[in-house]
Amino acid sequence: MDKKLLLGIGLAVATGGLAVVGLLAFKTVRKVKVNKKRKKLRKYVKHYLGNNKKALEIVDNLSNFQVRILFKIFEKTTEKISEVKLPGKLSDKLAEIAEG
């Protein structure tokens, strides 16, 4: 065979292999991130909902996509809350209520 043909085939195989490795690495990283978020969500349920078994089952049955979307909603909500400016009296009142 011609050397140029062998070189072309070798480069094509190497490029395809790198693409597969890159894709697998991306999926693995995303899966690890989602598992971290799922654990954090379980921690929220245990803390704020009193370890509610039904809520924990729901968290366990969420798809990875649903977990990612839920955390995007949390992030957006947190951003919007920090932008809200309350009048002084109302702010003091909410602080008193939060303290108990």
PDB file of N, CA and C in Angstrom:
ATOM      1  N   MET A   1       0.824  -1.175   0.000  1.00  0.00           N
ATOM      2  CA  MET A   1       0.000   0.000   0.000  1.00  0.00           C
ATOM      3  C   MET A   1       0.874   1.247   0.000  1.00  0.00           C
ATOM      4  N   ASP A   2       0.256   2.278  -0.388  1.00  0.00           N
ATOM      5  CA  ASP A   2       0.949   3.560  -0.448  1.00  0.00           C
ATOM      6  C   ASP A   2       1.099   4.135   0.967  1.00  0.00           C
ATOM      7  N   LYS A   3       2.239   4.767   1.251  1.00  0.00           N
ATOM      8  CA  LYS A   3       2.502   5.333   2.574  1.00  0.00           C
ATOM      9  C   LYS A   3       1.499   6.430   2.918  1.00  0.00           C
ATOM     10  N   LYS A   4       1.093   7.224   1.945  1.00  0.00           N
ATOM     11  CA  LYS A   4       0.148   8.305   2.200  1.00  0.00           C
ATOM     12  C   LYS A   4      -1.215   7.754   2.615  1.00  0.00           C
ATOM     13  N   LEU A   5      -1.610   6.661   1.987  1.00  0.00           N
ATOM     14  CA  LEU A   5      -2.882   6.036   2.326  1.00  0.00           C
ATOM     15  C   LEU A   5      -2.838   5.487   3.753  1.00  0.00           C
ATOM     16  N   LEU A   6      -1.747   4.810   4.109  1.00  0.00           N
ATOM     17  CA  LEU A   6      -1.601   4.287   5.459  1.00  0.00           C
ATOM     18  C   LEU A   6      -1.575   5.408   6.495  1.00  0.00           C
ATOM     19  N   LEU A   7      -0.899   6.486   6.176  1.00  0.00           N
ATOM     20  CA  LEU A   7      -0.851   7.635   7.070  1.00  0.00           C
ATOM     21  C   LEU A   7      -2.245   8.234   7.249  1.00  0.00           C
ATOM     22  N   GLY A   8      -3.003   8.369   6.190  1.00  0.00           N
ATOM     23  CA  GLY A   8      -4.369   8.901   6.249  1.00  0.00           C
ATOM     24  C   GLY A   8      -5.278   8.018   7.081  1.00  0.00           C
ATOM     25  N   ILE A   9      -5.197   6.713   6.885  1.00  0.00           N
ATOM     26  CA  ILE A   9      -6.021   5.784   7.660  1.00  0.00           C
ATOM     27  C   ILE A   9      -5.628   5.841   9.134  1.00  0.00           C
ATOM     28  N   GLY A  10      -4.346   5.904   9.408  1.00  0.00           N
ATOM     29  CA  GLY A  10      -3.865   5.986  10.791  1.00  0.00           C
ATOM     30  C   GLY A  10      -4.357   7.251  11.481  1.00  0.00           C
ATOM     31  N   LEU A  11      -4.295   8.373  10.771  1.00  0.00           N
ATOM     32  CA  LEU A  11      -4.778   9.627  11.340  1.00  0.00           C
ATOM     33  C   LEU A  11      -6.290   9.586  11.585  1.00  0.00           C
ATOM     34  N   ALA A  12      -7.027   8.981  10.682  1.00  0.00           N
ATOM     35  CA  ALA A  12      -8.478   8.878  10.842  1.00  0.00           C
ATOM     36  C   ALA A  12      -8.830   8.029  12.057  1.00  0.00           C
ATOM     37  N   VAL A  13      -8.128   6.922  12.230  1.00  0.00           N
ATOM     38  CA  VAL A  13      -8.385   6.049  13.375  1.00  0.00           C
ATOM     39  C   VAL A  13      -8.013   6.768  14.678  1.00  0.00           C
ATOM     40  N   ALA A  14      -6.880   7.465  14.677  1.00  0.00           N
ATOM     41  CA  ALA A  14      -6.446   8.187  15.870  1.00  0.00           C
ATOM     42  C   ALA A  14      -7.431   9.297  16.232  1.00  0.00           C
ATOM     43  N   THR A  15      -7.905  10.021  15.238  1.00  0.00           N
ATOM     44  CA  THR A  15      -8.870  11.098  15.480  1.00  0.00           C
ATOM     45  C   THR A  15     -10.180  10.541  16.030  1.00  0.00           C
ATOM     46  N   GLY A  16     -10.642   9.450  15.442  1.00  0.00           N
ATOM     47  CA  GLY A  16     -11.871   8.815  15.930  1.00  0.00           C
ATOM     48  C   GLY A  16     -11.711   8.324  17.362  1.00  0.00           C
ATOM     49  N   GLY A  17     -10.566   7.754  17.668  1.00  0.00           N
ATOM     50  CA  GLY A  17     -10.301   7.279  19.028  1.00  0.00           C
ATOM     51  C   GLY A  17     -10.296   8.419  20.029  1.00  0.00           C
ATOM     52  N   LEU A  18      -9.664   9.531  19.663  1.00  0.00           N
ATOM     53  CA  LEU A  18      -9.641  10.691  20.549  1.00  0.00           C
ATOM     54  C   LEU A  18     -11.040  11.248  20.774  1.00  0.00           C
ATOM     55  N   ALA A  19     -11.849  11.242  19.739  1.00  0.00           N
ATOM     56  CA  ALA A  19     -13.220  11.735  19.872  1.00  0.00           C
ATOM     57  C   ALA A  19     -14.015  10.859  20.840  1.00  0.00           C
ATOM     58  N   VAL A  20     -13.847   9.555  20.739  1.00  0.00           N
ATOM     59  CA  VAL A  20     -14.562   8.639  21.635  1.00  0.00           C
ATOM     60  C   VAL A  20     -14.096   8.833  23.075  1.00  0.00           C
ATOM     61  N   VAL A  21     -12.789   8.950  23.273  1.00  0.00           N
ATOM     62  CA  VAL A  21     -12.251   9.158  24.622  1.00  0.00           C
ATOM     63  C   VAL A  21     -12.765  10.482  25.193  1.00  0.00           C
ATOM     64  N   GLY A  22     -12.778  11.530  24.383  1.00  0.00           N
ATOM     65  CA  GLY A  22     -13.286  12.831  24.838  1.00  0.00           C
ATOM     66  C   GLY A  22     -14.744  12.762  25.231  1.00  0.00           C
ATOM     67  N   LEU A  23     -15.546  12.082  24.437  1.00  0.00           N
ATOM     68  CA  LEU A  23     -16.968  11.946  24.733  1.00  0.00           C
ATOM     69  C   LEU A  23     -17.192  11.169  26.025  1.00  0.00           C
ATOM     70  N   LEU A  24     -16.454  10.092  26.220  1.00  0.00           N
ATOM     71  CA  LEU A  24     -16.587   9.309  27.449  1.00  0.00           C
ATOM     72  C   LEU A  24     -16.158  10.117  28.668  1.00  0.00           C
ATOM     73  N   ALA A  25     -15.108  10.900  28.525  1.00  0.00           N
ATOM     74  CA  ALA A  25     -14.649  11.740  29.640  1.00  0.00           C
ATOM     75  C   ALA A  25     -15.711  12.780  29.983  1.00  0.00           C
ATOM     76  N   PHE A  26     -16.313  13.400  28.976  1.00  0.00           N
ATOM     77  CA  PHE A  26     -17.364  14.395  29.191  1.00  0.00           C
ATOM     78  C   PHE A  26     -18.549  13.784  29.925  1.00  0.00           C
ATOM     79  N   LYS A  27     -18.985  12.613  29.481  1.00  0.00           N
ATOM     80  CA  LYS A  27     -20.129  11.959  30.114  1.00  0.00           C
ATOM     81  C   LYS A  27     -19.821  11.563  31.552  1.00  0.00           C
ATOM     82  N   THR A  28     -18.605  11.121  31.800  1.00  0.00           N
ATOM     83  CA  THR A  28     -18.218  10.723  33.151  1.00  0.00           C
ATOM     84  C   THR A  28     -18.208  11.923  34.092  1.00  0.00           C
ATOM     85  N   VAL A  29     -17.635  13.030  33.638  1.00  0.00           N
ATOM     86  CA  VAL A  29     -17.593  14.244  34.464  1.00  0.00           C
ATOM     87  C   VAL A  29     -19.000  14.728  34.761  1.00  0.00           C
ATOM     88  N   ARG A  30     -19.862  14.716  33.752  1.00  0.00           N
ATOM     89  CA  ARG A  30     -21.239  15.168  33.948  1.00  0.00           C
ATOM     90  C   ARG A  30     -21.976  14.254  34.930  1.00  0.00           C
ATOM     91  N   LYS A  31     -21.729  12.945  34.844  1.00  0.00           N
ATOM     92  CA  LYS A  31     -22.381  11.996  35.740  1.00  0.00           C
ATOM     93  C   LYS A  31     -21.942  12.218  37.188  1.00  0.00           C
ATOM     94  N   VAL A  32     -20.652  12.492  37.380  1.00  0.00           N
ATOM     95  CA  VAL A  32     -20.137  12.757  38.727  1.00  0.00           C
ATOM     96  C   VAL A  32     -20.769  14.028  39.296  1.00  0.00           C
ATOM     97  N   LYS A  33     -20.878  15.068  38.474  1.00  0.00           N
ATOM     98  CA  LYS A  33     -21.494  16.318  38.930  1.00  0.00           C
ATOM     99  C   LYS A  33     -22.952  16.104  39.321  1.00  0.00           C
ATOM    100  N   VAL A  34     -23.678  15.339  38.516  1.00  0.00           N
ATOM    101  CA  VAL A  34     -25.089  15.094  38.804  1.00  0.00           C
ATOM    102  C   VAL A  34     -25.229  14.284  40.092  1.00  0.00           C
ATOM    103  N   ASN A  35     -24.336  13.321  40.309  1.00  0.00           N
ATOM    104  CA  ASN A  35     -24.404  12.539  41.542  1.00  0.00           C
ATOM    105  C   ASN A  35     -24.136  13.409  42.766  1.00  0.00           C
ATOM    106  N   LYS A  36     -23.210  14.372  42.649  1.00  0.00           N
ATOM    107  CA  LYS A  36     -22.962  15.309  43.740  1.00  0.00           C
ATOM    108  C   LYS A  36     -24.214  16.145  44.023  1.00  0.00           C
ATOM    109  N   LYS A  37     -24.854  16.611  42.956  1.00  0.00           N
ATOM    110  CA  LYS A  37     -26.063  17.418  43.107  1.00  0.00           C
ATOM    111  C   LYS A  37     -27.196  16.594  43.710  1.00  0.00           C
ATOM    112  N   ARG A  38     -27.282  15.332  43.320  1.00  0.00           N
ATOM    113  CA  ARG A  38     -28.330  14.460  43.852  1.00  0.00           C
ATOM    114  C   ARG A  38     -28.122  14.257  45.366  1.00  0.00           C
ATOM    115  N   LYS A  39     -26.862  14.073  45.782  1.00  0.00           N
ATOM    116  CA  LYS A  39     -26.567  13.932  47.212  1.00  0.00           C
ATOM    117  C   LYS A  39     -26.928  15.210  47.962  1.00  0.00           C
ATOM    118  N   LYS A  40     -26.637  16.350  47.350  1.00  0.00           N
ATOM    119  CA  LYS A  40     -26.968  17.629  47.969  1.00  0.00           C
ATOM    120  C   LYS A  40     -28.484  17.775  48.101  1.00  0.00           C
ATOM    121  N   LEU A  41     -29.203  17.338  47.084  1.00  0.00           N
ATOM    122  CA  LEU A  41     -30.661  17.388  47.105  1.00  0.00           C
ATOM    123  C   LEU A  41     -31.218  16.483  48.203  1.00  0.00           C
ATOM    124  N   ARG A  42     -30.640  15.308  48.358  1.00  0.00           N
ATOM    125  CA  ARG A  42     -31.059  14.403  49.438  1.00  0.00           C
ATOM    126  C   ARG A  42     -30.803  15.049  50.803  1.00  0.00           C
ATOM    127  N   LYS A  43     -29.675  15.751  50.913  1.00  0.00           N
ATOM    128  CA  LYS A  43     -29.348  16.437  52.168  1.00  0.00           C
ATOM    129  C   LYS A  43     -30.386  17.521  52.468  1.00  0.00           C
ATOM    130  N   TYR A  44     -30.806  18.277  51.424  1.00  0.00           N
ATOM    131  CA  TYR A  44     -31.851  19.295  51.599  1.00  0.00           C
ATOM    132  C   TYR A  44     -33.154  18.659  52.081  1.00  0.00           C
ATOM    133  N   VAL A  45     -33.514  17.533  51.468  1.00  0.00           N
ATOM    134  CA  VAL A  45     -34.758  16.857  51.845  1.00  0.00           C
ATOM    135  C   VAL A  45     -34.678  16.392  53.295  1.00  0.00           C
ATOM    136  N   LYS A  46     -33.536  15.830  53.675  1.00  0.00           N
ATOM    137  CA  LYS A  46     -33.391  15.359  55.058  1.00  0.00           C
ATOM    138  C   LYS A  46     -33.463  16.522  56.043  1.00  0.00           C
ATOM    139  N   HIS A  47     -32.853  17.632  55.686  1.00  0.00           N
ATOM    140  CA  HIS A  47     -32.802  18.773  56.603  1.00  0.00           C
ATOM    141  C   HIS A  47     -34.134  19.519  56.664  1.00  0.00           C
ATOM    142  N   TYR A  48     -34.683  19.869  55.509  1.00  0.00           N
ATOM    143  CA  TYR A  48     -35.855  20.738  55.483  1.00  0.00           C
ATOM    144  C   TYR A  48     -37.192  20.000  55.516  1.00  0.00           C
ATOM    145  N   LEU A  49     -37.207  18.745  55.105  1.00  0.00           N
ATOM    146  CA  LEU A  49     -38.473  18.007  55.087  1.00  0.00           C
ATOM    147  C   LEU A  49     -38.497  16.887  56.119  1.00  0.00           C
ATOM    148  N   GLY A  50     -37.587  16.927  57.063  1.00  0.00           N
ATOM    149  CA  GLY A  50     -37.616  15.964  58.152  1.00  0.00           C
ATOM    150  C   GLY A  50     -37.406  14.526  57.720  1.00  0.00           C
ATOM    151  N   ASN A  51     -36.518  14.305  56.764  1.00  0.00           N
ATOM    152  CA  ASN A  51     -36.192  12.953  56.294  1.00  0.00           C
ATOM    153  C   ASN A  51     -37.432  12.221  55.756  1.00  0.00           C
ATOM    154  N   ASN A  52     -38.264  12.933  55.029  1.00  0.00           N
ATOM    155  CA  ASN A  52     -39.493  12.396  54.453  1.00  0.00           C
ATOM    156  C   ASN A  52     -39.157  11.308  53.431  1.00  0.00           C
ATOM    157  N   LYS A  53     -39.634  10.091  53.668  1.00  0.00           N
ATOM    158  CA  LYS A  53     -39.287   8.954  52.801  1.00  0.00           C
ATOM    159  C   LYS A  53     -39.841   9.114  51.386  1.00  0.00           C
ATOM    160  N   LYS A  54     -41.043   9.655  51.259  1.00  0.00           N
ATOM    161  CA  LYS A  54     -41.632   9.864  49.928  1.00  0.00           C
ATOM    162  C   LYS A  54     -40.799  10.863  49.129  1.00  0.00           C
ATOM    163  N   ALA A  55     -40.394  11.940  49.782  1.00  0.00           N
ATOM    164  CA  ALA A  55     -39.586  12.958  49.101  1.00  0.00           C
ATOM    165  C   ALA A  55     -38.225  12.379  48.692  1.00  0.00           C
ATOM    166  N   LEU A  56     -37.645  11.544  49.558  1.00  0.00           N
ATOM    167  CA  LEU A  56     -36.366  10.912  49.215  1.00  0.00           C
ATOM    168  C   LEU A  56     -36.519   9.967  48.028  1.00  0.00           C
ATOM    169  N   GLU A  57     -37.645   9.252  47.972  1.00  0.00           N
ATOM    170  CA  GLU A  57     -37.912   8.373  46.826  1.00  0.00           C
ATOM    171  C   GLU A  57     -38.028   9.187  45.541  1.00  0.00           C
ATOM    172  N   ILE A  58     -38.689  10.326  45.638  1.00  0.00           N
ATOM    173  CA  ILE A  58     -38.839  11.186  44.461  1.00  0.00           C
ATOM    174  C   ILE A  58     -37.476  11.653  43.979  1.00  0.00           C
ATOM    175  N   VAL A  59     -36.610  12.062  44.915  1.00  0.00           N
ATOM    176  CA  VAL A  59     -35.263  12.507  44.549  1.00  0.00           C
ATOM    177  C   VAL A  59     -34.488  11.373  43.890  1.00  0.00           C
ATOM    178  N   ASP A  60     -34.628  10.168  44.434  1.00  0.00           N
ATOM    179  CA  ASP A  60     -33.919   9.022  43.862  1.00  0.00           C
ATOM    180  C   ASP A  60     -34.409   8.671  42.464  1.00  0.00           C
ATOM    181  N   ASN A  61     -35.684   8.938  42.186  1.00  0.00           N
ATOM    182  CA  ASN A  61     -36.255   8.582  40.888  1.00  0.00           C
ATOM    183  C   ASN A  61     -36.138   9.679  39.833  1.00  0.00           C
ATOM    184  N   LEU A  62     -35.588  10.850  40.203  1.00  0.00           N
ATOM    185  CA  LEU A  62     -35.390  11.907  39.218  1.00  0.00           C
ATOM    186  C   LEU A  62     -34.317  11.500  38.219  1.00  0.00           C
ATOM    187  N   SER A  63     -34.514  11.870  36.969  1.00  0.00           N
ATOM    188  CA  SER A  63     -33.477  11.610  35.972  1.00  0.00           C
ATOM    189  C   SER A  63     -32.340  12.618  36.150  1.00  0.00           C
ATOM    190  N   ASN A  64     -31.214  12.328  35.548  1.00  0.00           N
ATOM    191  CA  ASN A  64     -30.076  13.240  35.627  1.00  0.00           C
ATOM    192  C   ASN A  64     -30.432  14.609  35.064  1.00  0.00           C
ATOM    193  N   PHE A  65     -31.180  14.618  33.982  1.00  0.00           N
ATOM    194  CA  PHE A  65     -31.610  15.871  33.369  1.00  0.00           C
ATOM    195  C   PHE A  65     -32.465  16.678  34.335  1.00  0.00           C
ATOM    196  N   GLN A  66     -33.384  16.012  35.022  1.00  0.00           N
ATOM    197  CA  GLN A  66     -34.273  16.694  35.956  1.00  0.00           C
ATOM    198  C   GLN A  66     -33.489  17.276  37.133  1.00  0.00           C
ATOM    199  N   VAL A  67     -32.475  16.563  37.593  1.00  0.00           N
ATOM    200  CA  VAL A  67     -31.642  17.070  38.690  1.00  0.00           C
ATOM    201  C   VAL A  67     -30.901  18.324  38.245  1.00  0.00           C
ATOM    202  N   ARG A  68     -30.336  18.305  37.031  1.00  0.00           N
ATOM    203  CA  ARG A  68     -29.614  19.479  36.523  1.00  0.00           C
ATOM    204  C   ARG A  68     -30.550  20.674  36.384  1.00  0.00           C
ATOM    205  N   ILE A  69     -31.751  20.452  35.862  1.00  0.00           N
ATOM    206  CA  ILE A  69     -32.722  21.532  35.694  1.00  0.00           C
ATOM    207  C   ILE A  69     -33.138  22.085  37.058  1.00  0.00           C
ATOM    208  N   LEU A  70     -33.368  21.225  38.027  1.00  0.00           N
ATOM    209  CA  LEU A  70     -33.761  21.664  39.359  1.00  0.00           C
ATOM    210  C   LEU A  70     -32.695  22.561  39.977  1.00  0.00           C
ATOM    211  N   PHE A  71     -31.422  22.207  39.812  1.00  0.00           N
ATOM    212  CA  PHE A  71     -30.365  23.043  40.365  1.00  0.00           C
ATOM    213  C   PHE A  71     -30.206  24.346  39.599  1.00  0.00           C
ATOM    214  N   LYS A  72     -30.511  24.361  38.316  1.00  0.00           N
ATOM    215  CA  LYS A  72     -30.504  25.627  37.579  1.00  0.00           C
ATOM    216  C   LYS A  72     -31.586  26.552  38.119  1.00  0.00           C
ATOM    217  N   ILE A  73     -32.736  25.989  38.465  1.00  0.00           N
ATOM    218  CA  ILE A  73     -33.822  26.783  39.045  1.00  0.00           C
ATOM    219  C   ILE A  73     -33.380  27.344  40.390  1.00  0.00           C
ATOM    220  N   PHE A  74     -32.732  26.521  41.222  1.00  0.00           N
ATOM    221  CA  PHE A  74     -32.226  26.992  42.512  1.00  0.00           C
ATOM    222  C   PHE A  74     -31.260  28.149  42.325  1.00  0.00           C
ATOM    223  N   GLU A  75     -30.342  28.017  41.376  1.00  0.00           N
ATOM    224  CA  GLU A  75     -29.346  29.064  41.142  1.00  0.00           C
ATOM    225  C   GLU A  75     -30.004  30.365  40.696  1.00  0.00           C
ATOM    226  N   LYS A  76     -30.946  30.279  39.762  1.00  0.00           N
ATOM    227  CA  LYS A  76     -31.639  31.478  39.274  1.00  0.00           C
ATOM    228  C   LYS A  76     -32.429  32.146  40.404  1.00  0.00           C
ATOM    229  N   THR A  77     -33.095  31.336  41.203  1.00  0.00           N
ATOM    230  CA  THR A  77     -33.883  31.875  42.304  1.00  0.00           C
ATOM    231  C   THR A  77     -32.983  32.586  43.304  1.00  0.00           C
ATOM    232  N   THR A  78     -31.848  31.981  43.620  1.00  0.00           N
ATOM    233  CA  THR A  78     -30.905  32.596  44.553  1.00  0.00           C
ATOM    234  C   THR A  78     -30.391  33.920  44.012  1.00  0.00           C
ATOM    235  N   GLU A  79     -30.107  33.978  42.708  1.00  0.00           N
ATOM    236  CA  GLU A  79     -29.651  35.225  42.094  1.00  0.00           C
ATOM    237  C   GLU A  79     -30.727  36.309  42.218  1.00  0.00           C
ATOM    238  N   LYS A  80     -31.952  35.952  41.920  1.00  0.00           N
ATOM    239  CA  LYS A  80     -33.041  36.935  41.944  1.00  0.00           C
ATOM    240  C   LYS A  80     -33.315  37.418  43.359  1.00  0.00           C
ATOM    241  N   ILE A  81     -33.237  36.533  44.335  1.00  0.00           N
ATOM    242  CA  ILE A  81     -33.485  36.919  45.723  1.00  0.00           C
ATOM    243  C   ILE A  81     -32.433  37.915  46.187  1.00  0.00           C
ATOM    244  N   SER A  82     -31.185  37.694  45.783  1.00  0.00           N
ATOM    245  CA  SER A  82     -30.126  38.608  46.222  1.00  0.00           C
ATOM    246  C   SER A  82     -30.271  39.988  45.588  1.00  0.00           C
ATOM    247  N   GLU A  83     -30.971  40.091  44.460  1.00  0.00           N
ATOM    248  CA  GLU A  83     -31.170  41.375  43.791  1.00  0.00           C
ATOM    249  C   GLU A  83     -32.310  42.191  44.403  1.00  0.00           C
ATOM    250  N   VAL A  84     -33.177  41.550  45.177  1.00  0.00           N
ATOM    251  CA  VAL A  84     -34.347  42.229  45.734  1.00  0.00           C
ATOM    252  C   VAL A  84     -33.916  43.145  46.874  1.00  0.00           C
ATOM    253  N   LYS A  85     -34.337  44.387  46.810  1.00  0.00           N
ATOM    254  CA  LYS A  85     -34.064  45.361  47.866  1.00  0.00           C
ATOM    255  C   LYS A  85     -35.352  45.583  48.653  1.00  0.00           C
ATOM    256  N   LEU A  86     -35.291  45.356  49.954  1.00  0.00           N
ATOM    257  CA  LEU A  86     -36.463  45.537  50.806  1.00  0.00           C
ATOM    258  C   LEU A  86     -36.334  46.835  51.600  1.00  0.00           C
ATOM    259  N   PRO A  87     -37.464  47.468  51.893  1.00  0.00           N
ATOM    260  CA  PRO A  87     -37.412  48.641  52.757  1.00  0.00           C
ATOM    261  C   PRO A  87     -36.869  48.256  54.139  1.00  0.00           C
ATOM    262  N   GLY A  88     -36.280  49.210  54.832  1.00  0.00           N
ATOM    263  CA  GLY A  88     -35.628  48.955  56.111  1.00  0.00           C
ATOM    264  C   GLY A  88     -36.518  48.287  57.136  1.00  0.00           C
ATOM    265  N   LYS A  89     -37.752  48.799  57.315  1.00  0.00           N
ATOM    266  CA  LYS A  89     -38.650  48.242  58.321  1.00  0.00           C
ATOM    267  C   LYS A  89     -39.020  46.796  57.994  1.00  0.00           C
ATOM    268  N   LEU A  90     -39.299  46.524  56.757  1.00  0.00           N
ATOM    269  CA  LEU A  90     -39.664  45.174  56.351  1.00  0.00           C
ATOM    270  C   LEU A  90     -38.479  44.229  56.518  1.00  0.00           C
ATOM    271  N   SER A  91     -37.301  44.710  56.178  1.00  0.00           N
ATOM    272  CA  SER A  91     -36.098  43.905  56.328  1.00  0.00           C
ATOM    273  C   SER A  91     -35.870  43.537  57.793  1.00  0.00           C
ATOM    274  N   ASP A  92     -36.057  44.504  58.692  1.00  0.00           N
ATOM    275  CA  ASP A  92     -35.908  44.244  60.130  1.00  0.00           C
ATOM    276  C   ASP A  92     -36.952  43.248  60.618  1.00  0.00           C
ATOM    277  N   LYS A  93     -38.168  43.402  60.137  1.00  0.00           N
ATOM    278  CA  LYS A  93     -39.263  42.519  60.529  1.00  0.00           C
ATOM    279  C   LYS A  93     -38.968  41.073  60.097  1.00  0.00           C
ATOM    280  N   LEU A  94     -38.466  40.915  58.866  1.00  0.00           N
ATOM    281  CA  LEU A  94     -38.146  39.567  58.373  1.00  0.00           C
ATOM    282  C   LEU A  94     -37.000  38.972  59.169  1.00  0.00           C
ATOM    283  N   ALA A  95     -36.031  39.782  59.570  1.00  0.00           N
ATOM    284  CA  ALA A  95     -34.933  39.276  60.379  1.00  0.00           C
ATOM    285  C   ALA A  95     -35.438  38.781  61.729  1.00  0.00           C
ATOM    286  N   GLU A  96     -36.372  39.525  62.329  1.00  0.00           N
ATOM    287  CA  GLU A  96     -36.964  39.110  63.613  1.00  0.00           C
ATOM    288  C   GLU A  96     -37.711  37.793  63.467  1.00  0.00           C
ATOM    289  N   ILE A  97     -38.466  37.670  62.378  1.00  0.00           N
ATOM    290  CA  ILE A  97     -39.239  36.449  62.139  1.00  0.00           C
ATOM    291  C   ILE A  97     -38.294  35.267  61.929  1.00  0.00           C
ATOM    292  N   ALA A  98     -37.224  35.478  61.168  1.00  0.00           N
ATOM    293  CA  ALA A  98     -36.278  34.413  60.881  1.00  0.00           C
ATOM    294  C   ALA A  98     -35.563  33.936  62.143  1.00  0.00           C
ATOM    295  N   GLU A  99     -35.285  34.859  63.060  1.00  0.00           N
ATOM    296  CA  GLU A  99     -34.609  34.493  64.300  1.00  0.00           C
ATOM    297  C   GLU A  99     -35.525  33.714  65.236  1.00  0.00           C
ATOM    298  N   GLY A 100     -36.797  33.900  65.076  1.00  0.00           N
ATOM    299  CA  GLY A 100     -37.724  33.116  65.884  1.00  0.00           C
ATOM    300  C   GLY A 100     -38.428  33.980  66.838  1.00  0.00           C
TER     301      GLY A 100
END
